[in-house]
C-alpha atoms as a PDB file:
ATOM      1  CA  MET A   1     116.623  93.193  88.375  1.00  0.00           C
ATOM      2  CA  PRO A   2     116.324  89.632  89.759  1.00  0.00           C
ATOM      3  CA  ARG A   3     113.169  88.865  91.706  1.00  0.00           C
ATOM      4  CA  LYS A   4     112.125  85.616  93.314  1.00  0.00           C
ATOM      5  CA  TYR A   5     108.440  86.163  92.534  1.00  0.00           C
ATOM      6  CA  ALA A   6     109.276  86.923  88.905  1.00  0.00           C
ATOM      7  CA  LEU A   7     111.023  83.552  88.646  1.00  0.00           C
ATOM      8  CA  ASP A   8     107.989  81.743  90.066  1.00  0.00           C
ATOM      9  CA  ILE A   9     105.660  83.539  87.665  1.00  0.00           C
ATOM     10  CA  THR A  10     108.099  82.938  84.826  1.00  0.00           C
ATOM     11  CA  LYS A  11     108.031  79.179  85.399  1.00  0.00           C
ATOM     12  CA  LYS A  12     104.230  79.065  85.467  1.00  0.00           C
ATOM     13  CA  VAL A  13     103.841  81.210  82.357  1.00  0.00           C
ATOM     14  CA  ALA A  14     106.494  79.200  80.496  1.00  0.00           C
ATOM     15  CA  LEU A  15     104.701  75.948  81.305  1.00  0.00           C
ATOM     16  CA  ALA A  16     101.322  77.375  80.311  1.00  0.00           C
ATOM     17  CA  THR A  17     102.532  78.809  77.005  1.00  0.00           C
ATOM     18  CA  GLY A  18     105.092  76.185  76.042  1.00  0.00           C
ATOM     19  CA  ASN A  19     107.820  78.824  75.732  1.00  0.00           C
ATOM     20  CA  MET A  20     111.304  78.554  77.173  1.00  0.00           C
ATOM     21  CA  GLN A  21     111.839  80.049  80.636  1.00  0.00           C
ATOM     22  CA  LYS A  22     114.594  82.400  79.494  1.00  0.00           C
ATOM     23  CA  ASP A  23     112.297  83.897  76.819  1.00  0.00           C
ATOM     24  CA  THR A  24     109.402  84.150  79.257  1.00  0.00           C
ATOM     25  CA  LYS A  25     111.630  85.781  81.893  1.00  0.00           C
ATOM     26  CA  VAL A  26     112.432  88.628  79.504  1.00  0.00           C
ATOM     27  CA  ILE A  27     108.713  89.239  78.960  1.00  0.00           C
ATOM     28  CA  VAL A  28     107.769  89.051  82.657  1.00  0.00           C
ATOM     29  CA  ASP A  29     110.617  91.381  83.626  1.00  0.00           C
ATOM     30  CA  ALA A  30     109.567  93.810  80.885  1.00  0.00           C
ATOM     31  CA  VAL A  31     106.008  93.872  82.265  1.00  0.00           C
ATOM     32  CA  PHE A  32     107.245  94.643  85.788  1.00  0.00           C
ATOM     33  CA  GLU A  33     109.631  97.306  84.475  1.00  0.00           C
ATOM     34  CA  ALA A  34     106.790  98.911  82.468  1.00  0.00           C
ATOM     35  CA  ILE A  35     104.573  99.017  85.580  1.00  0.00           C
ATOM     36  CA  LEU A  36     107.387 100.555  87.636  1.00  0.00           C
ATOM     37  CA  SER A  37     108.182 103.096  84.922  1.00  0.00           C
ATOM     38  CA  GLU A  38     104.551 104.194  84.611  1.00  0.00           C
ATOM     39  CA  LEU A  39     104.211 104.593  88.375  1.00  0.00           C
ATOM     40  CA  LYS A  40     107.456 106.599  88.548  1.00  0.00           C
ATOM     41  CA  ASP A  41     106.041 108.903  85.865  1.00  0.00           C
ATOM     42  CA  GLY A  42     102.961 109.458  88.047  1.00  0.00           C
ATOM     43  CA  ASN A  43     100.596 107.485  85.836  1.00  0.00           C
ATOM     44  CA  THR A  44      97.903 105.049  86.930  1.00  0.00           C
ATOM     45  CA  VAL A  45      98.421 101.422  85.928  1.00  0.00           C
ATOM     46  CA  CYS A  46      95.303  99.392  85.207  1.00  0.00           C
ATOM     47  CA  ILE A  47      95.341  95.687  84.426  1.00  0.00           C
ATOM     48  CA  ARG A  48      91.799  94.940  83.352  1.00  0.00           C
ATOM     49  CA  ASP A  49      89.847  92.526  85.578  1.00  0.00           C
ATOM     50  CA  PHE A  50      92.752  92.406  88.045  1.00  0.00           C
ATOM     51  CA  PHE A  51      93.752  95.690  89.733  1.00  0.00           C
ATOM     52  CA  THR A  52      94.430  99.401  89.397  1.00  0.00           C
ATOM     53  CA  MET A  53      97.588 100.926  90.871  1.00  0.00           C
ATOM     54  CA  SER A  54      98.088 104.609  91.524  1.00  0.00           C
ATOM     55  CA  LEU A  55     100.352 106.791  93.654  1.00  0.00           C
ATOM     56  CA  LYS A  56      99.323 108.484  96.872  1.00  0.00           C
ATOM     57  CA  LYS A  57     101.403 111.165  98.576  1.00  0.00           C
ATOM     58  CA  THR A  58     101.313 111.179 102.396  1.00  0.00           C
ATOM     59  CA  LYS A  59     101.733 114.358 104.391  1.00  0.00           C
ATOM     60  CA  GLU A  60     104.650 115.177 106.632  1.00  0.00           C
ATOM     61  CA  ARG A  61     103.634 114.543 110.254  1.00  0.00           C
ATOM     62  CA  ALA A  62     104.976 115.646 113.619  1.00  0.00           C
ATOM     63  CA  TYR A  63     104.936 113.237 116.558  1.00  0.00           C
ATOM     64  CA  LYS A  64     106.329 112.968 120.069  1.00  0.00           C
ATOM     65  CA  HIS A  65     108.288 109.916 121.177  1.00  0.00           C
ATOM     66  CA  VAL A  66     106.174 108.009 123.720  1.00  0.00           C
ATOM     67  CA  LYS A  67     108.904 107.520 126.333  1.00  0.00           C
ATOM     68  CA  THR A  68     111.182 110.535 125.877  1.00  0.00           C
ATOM     69  CA  LYS A  69     108.521 113.043 124.750  1.00  0.00           C
ATOM     70  CA  GLU A  70     110.993 114.324 122.146  1.00  0.00           C
ATOM     71  CA  PRO A  71     109.340 115.632 118.995  1.00  0.00           C
ATOM     72  CA  PHE A  72     110.258 114.125 115.652  1.00  0.00           C
ATOM     73  CA  VAL A  73     109.002 114.494 112.106  1.00  0.00           C
ATOM     74  CA  VAL A  74     107.946 111.698 109.785  1.00  0.00           C
ATOM     75  CA  PRO A  75     108.677 112.953 106.251  1.00  0.00           C
ATOM     76  CA  SER A  76     106.139 112.780 103.457  1.00  0.00           C
ATOM     77  CA  LYS A  77     106.246 109.635 101.323  1.00  0.00           C
ATOM     78  CA  THR A  78     104.859 108.339  98.089  1.00  0.00           C
ATOM     79  CA  LYS A  79     102.921 105.104  98.455  1.00  0.00           C
ATOM     80  CA  VAL A  80     101.299 102.795  95.955  1.00  0.00           C
ATOM     81  CA  LYS A  81      97.543 102.466  96.260  1.00  0.00           C
ATOM     82  CA  VAL A  82      96.112  99.225  94.838  1.00  0.00           C
ATOM     83  CA  LYS A  83      92.427  98.801  94.101  1.00  0.00           C
ATOM     84  CA  ILE A  84      91.451  95.183  93.434  1.00  0.00           C
ATOM     85  CA  SER A  85      88.806  94.653  90.756  1.00  0.00           C
ATOM     86  CA  GLU A  86      85.415  93.239  91.643  1.00  0.00           C
ATOM     87  CA  ILE A  87      85.929  90.365  89.185  1.00  0.00           C
ATOM     88  CA  LEU A  88      89.133  89.289  90.938  1.00  0.00           C
ATOM     89  CA  THR A  89      87.477  89.542  94.334  1.00  0.00           C
ATOM     90  CA  GLU A  90      84.531  87.438  93.143  1.00  0.00           C
ATOM     91  CA  ASN A  91      86.852  84.778  91.697  1.00  0.00           C
ATOM     92  CA  LEU A  92      88.871  84.602  94.920  1.00  0.00           C
ATOM     93  CA  ASN A  93      85.729  84.150  97.004  1.00  0.00           C
ATOM     94  CA  LYS A  94      84.195  81.332  94.938  1.00  0.00           C
END
């Protein structure tokens, strides 16, 4: 699953650790896949001192189109809720 942001993170982690980019890419991709897998299973993902991710189910809603007044239904969805840690917020605001 190629991702632009994963490549940027891979380069930075490879430089910081002294590892090769291809080895680091495998690790970074595995981390993202593990996060995705846990969320798909309905679990909460917590990365200490960074953030907590959980799933939130929205309700199905009925609306009317503004111009035509035709009713339509927005189906329920599953969204990811991210709660940023206080430590991260403090470090960003220094």
